[in-house]
């Protein structure tokens, strides 16, 4: 049986035996795993069985983003929290999954605050979330939105562009009706 690949966005241990997984092919879903030692953020391979609720078996932990967590655990948790709250259930989006895999594969490329903000901006663009208003309709933001993350983080951006990115991120986060309950986006307010 072919195994699925996913990233654990949230675990409900010890209260409930559930995980929320972002699956590469099937999107985000809740499931009950056959083991309890799976950390948030882990990339896992598993087989999926549908009963009344999804069960996942034969779980292998392929990667845990230790390097990313050592660099900035708040950023890692912010990425997982945003994916958890903003990715719709059971709607595959390869762009989001690939963007997260890029982050896991090259954590040393996204270590500065501006790089993290640009990554979050690309995540929101991949989710189809754009801030409204004339203020956000600039050629610089369109360019950043259309380029790949590895190209963007190698560019030197002006402080004015960083301020636009900050405003865009805050506008995107405020779109969510429960944004006041987000716990990990505070790093956006640093510097």
Protein backbone atom coordinates (compact mmCIF):
# COMPACT_ATOMS: atom_id res chain seq x y z
CA UNK A 1 0.00 0.00 0.00
CA UNK A 2 1.34 3.44 -0.95
CA UNK A 3 2.13 5.78 1.91
CA UNK A 4 0.96 9.37 2.13
CA UNK A 5 3.30 12.21 3.14
CA UNK A 6 2.16 14.94 5.51
CA UNK A 7 3.20 17.60 7.99
CA UNK A 8 1.72 17.58 11.49
CA UNK A 9 0.20 21.03 12.05
CA UNK A 10 -1.30 20.39 15.48
CA UNK A 11 -1.62 17.63 18.02
CA UNK A 12 -4.29 17.47 20.68
CA UNK A 13 -2.35 15.39 23.20
CA UNK A 14 -2.85 14.51 25.98
CA UNK A 15 -6.53 15.57 26.11
CA UNK A 16 -7.57 13.89 22.86
CA UNK A 17 -5.77 11.42 20.67
CA UNK A 18 -5.94 13.49 17.46
CA UNK A 19 -3.63 15.16 14.97
CA UNK A 20 -4.23 17.71 12.24
CA UNK A 21 -2.10 16.82 9.22
CA UNK A 22 -1.40 18.75 6.02
CA UNK A 23 -1.23 15.97 3.42
CA UNK A 24 0.68 16.55 0.20
CA UNK A 25 -2.10 15.15 -2.00
CA UNK A 26 -5.28 15.47 0.04
CA UNK A 27 -4.91 18.70 2.00
CA UNK A 28 -5.55 19.26 5.70
CA UNK A 29 -7.49 16.72 7.76
CA UNK A 30 -7.98 15.49 11.34
CA UNK A 31 -7.01 11.94 12.19
CA UNK A 32 -6.32 9.49 14.95
CA UNK A 33 -2.78 8.07 14.85
CA UNK A 34 -1.74 4.68 16.13
CA UNK A 35 1.09 6.20 18.17
CA UNK A 36 1.42 9.25 20.42
CA UNK A 37 5.07 10.33 20.04
CA UNK A 38 4.61 12.54 16.96
CA UNK A 39 5.67 16.17 17.49
CA UNK A 40 4.10 19.22 15.86
CA UNK A 41 5.90 20.10 12.66
CA UNK A 42 7.06 16.55 11.93
CA UNK A 43 7.01 15.30 8.36
CA UNK A 44 5.47 11.86 8.44
CA UNK A 45 4.75 8.99 6.06
CA UNK A 46 1.65 6.94 6.84
CA UNK A 47 -1.19 4.87 5.51
CA UNK A 48 -4.64 6.34 5.84
CA UNK A 49 -7.85 4.44 6.56
CA UNK A 50 -11.26 6.08 6.42
CA UNK A 51 -13.77 4.90 8.94
CA UNK A 52 -16.01 7.34 10.79
CA UNK A 53 -12.86 9.40 11.29
CA UNK A 54 -9.55 9.05 9.47
CA UNK A 55 -7.13 6.64 11.10
CA UNK A 56 -3.46 6.70 10.20
CA UNK A 57 -1.21 3.68 10.66
CA UNK A 58 2.35 2.60 9.89
CA UNK A 59 3.58 6.09 10.76
CA UNK A 60 7.22 6.88 10.07
CA UNK A 61 8.69 10.18 11.21
CA UNK A 62 10.73 11.34 8.22
CA UNK A 63 11.92 14.69 9.53
CA UNK A 64 11.51 16.98 12.50
CA UNK A 65 12.55 20.61 11.89
CA UNK A 66 15.14 20.84 14.67
CA UNK A 67 17.37 23.29 12.77
CA UNK A 68 14.42 25.57 12.13
CA UNK A 69 13.31 25.33 15.76
CA UNK A 70 16.82 26.13 16.99
CA UNK A 71 16.96 29.19 14.75
CA UNK A 72 13.57 30.55 15.81
CA UNK A 73 10.94 28.31 17.38
CA UNK A 74 8.39 31.17 17.35
CA UNK A 75 8.63 31.39 13.58
CA UNK A 76 8.15 27.63 13.19
CA UNK A 77 5.11 27.73 15.45
CA UNK A 78 3.74 30.76 13.56
CA UNK A 79 4.00 28.86 10.26
CA UNK A 80 2.21 25.84 11.73
CA UNK A 81 -0.45 28.03 13.34
CA UNK A 82 -1.13 29.99 10.14
CA UNK A 83 -1.34 26.77 8.12
CA UNK A 84 -3.65 25.27 10.75
CA UNK A 85 -6.03 28.24 10.76
CA UNK A 86 -5.91 29.31 7.11
CA UNK A 87 -5.57 26.13 5.03
CA UNK A 88 -9.07 24.85 4.24
CA UNK A 89 -9.84 21.25 5.19
CA UNK A 90 -9.46 18.60 2.50
CA UNK A 91 -8.50 21.07 -0.25
CA UNK A 92 -5.15 20.03 -1.74
CA UNK A 93 -2.70 22.85 -2.40
CA UNK A 94 0.69 21.63 -3.60
CA UNK A 95 2.09 25.16 -3.47
CA UNK A 96 1.65 25.40 0.30
CA UNK A 97 3.06 21.96 0.95
CA UNK A 98 6.07 22.62 -1.32
CA UNK A 99 6.68 25.99 0.33
CA UNK A 100 6.78 24.32 3.75
CA UNK A 101 9.12 21.62 2.42
CA UNK A 102 11.41 24.37 1.11
CA UNK A 103 11.51 25.88 4.59
CA UNK A 104 12.32 22.49 6.12
CA UNK A 105 14.97 21.73 3.50
CA UNK A 106 16.77 25.09 3.70
CA UNK A 107 16.23 26.51 7.20
CA UNK A 108 19.50 28.43 7.07
CA UNK A 109 18.25 30.49 4.09
CA UNK A 110 15.40 31.95 6.11
CA UNK A 111 17.05 33.16 9.27
CA UNK A 112 16.64 36.93 9.26
CA UNK A 113 13.43 38.69 10.28
CA UNK A 114 12.83 40.08 6.77
CA UNK A 115 13.29 36.60 5.23
CA UNK A 116 10.69 35.22 7.65
CA UNK A 117 8.26 37.99 6.75
CA UNK A 118 8.79 37.34 3.05
CA UNK A 119 8.19 33.63 3.63
CA UNK A 120 4.92 34.40 5.43
CA UNK A 121 3.92 36.76 2.61
CA UNK A 122 4.52 33.93 0.09
CA UNK A 123 2.52 31.56 2.30
CA UNK A 124 -0.46 33.91 2.27
CA UNK A 125 -0.12 34.36 -1.51
CA UNK A 126 -0.13 30.54 -1.88
CA UNK A 127 -3.29 30.45 0.21
CA UNK A 128 -4.90 33.01 -2.11
CA UNK A 129 -5.05 35.64 0.62
CA UNK A 130 -4.22 39.17 -0.46
CA UNK A 131 -4.81 42.38 1.46
CA UNK A 132 -7.27 44.76 -0.12
CA UNK A 133 -6.77 48.44 -0.63
CA UNK A 134 -4.89 50.74 -2.92
CA UNK A 135 -2.00 50.89 -0.46
CA UNK A 136 -1.17 47.25 -1.30
CA UNK A 137 -1.36 47.60 -5.07
CA UNK A 138 2.30 48.40 -5.70
CA UNK A 139 4.63 47.02 -8.38
CA UNK A 140 7.09 45.90 -5.68
CA UNK A 141 4.50 43.74 -3.94
CA UNK A 142 3.35 42.24 -7.25
CA UNK A 143 6.95 41.37 -8.06
CA UNK A 144 7.49 39.73 -4.67
CA UNK A 145 4.21 37.84 -5.00
CA UNK A 146 5.16 36.44 -8.40
CA UNK A 147 8.77 35.42 -7.70
CA UNK A 148 9.88 32.22 -6.01
CA UNK A 149 10.94 32.36 -2.37
CA UNK A 150 14.57 31.48 -3.05
CA UNK A 151 14.86 34.41 -5.50
CA UNK A 152 13.22 36.89 -3.16
CA UNK A 153 15.32 36.18 -0.08
CA UNK A 154 18.51 36.77 -2.04
CA UNK A 155 17.47 40.32 -2.95
CA UNK A 156 18.16 43.41 -0.94
CA UNK A 157 14.89 45.15 -0.23
CA UNK A 158 14.43 48.73 0.88
CA UNK A 159 13.07 49.52 4.32
CA UNK A 160 9.96 50.97 2.71
CA UNK A 161 9.20 47.59 1.09
CA UNK A 162 9.64 45.86 4.45
CA UNK A 163 7.05 48.22 5.94
CA UNK A 164 4.63 47.31 3.13
CA UNK A 165 5.26 43.62 3.82
CA UNK A 166 4.57 44.20 7.55
CA UNK A 167 1.30 45.97 6.74
CA UNK A 168 0.33 43.21 4.27
CA UNK A 169 1.00 40.46 6.80
CA UNK A 170 -1.01 42.16 9.51
CA UNK A 171 -3.89 42.77 7.07
CA UNK A 172 -3.81 39.10 6.01
CA UNK A 173 -3.78 37.85 9.60
CA UNK A 174 -6.63 40.17 10.58
CA UNK A 175 -8.80 38.60 7.85
CA UNK A 176 -9.22 35.51 10.00
CA UNK A 177 -12.18 35.81 12.40
CA UNK A 178 -10.18 34.27 15.26
CA UNK A 179 -6.95 36.22 14.74
CA UNK A 180 -7.09 37.50 18.34
CA UNK A 181 -6.54 33.95 19.57
CA UNK A 182 -3.35 33.43 17.53
CA UNK A 183 -0.47 32.79 19.90
CA UNK A 184 2.64 32.86 17.76
CA UNK A 185 2.57 35.78 15.34
CA UNK A 186 4.13 38.14 17.88
CA UNK A 187 7.51 37.89 16.13
CA UNK A 188 6.00 40.12 13.42
CA UNK A 189 5.99 42.95 15.90
CA UNK A 190 9.69 42.67 16.74
CA UNK A 191 12.07 45.26 15.31
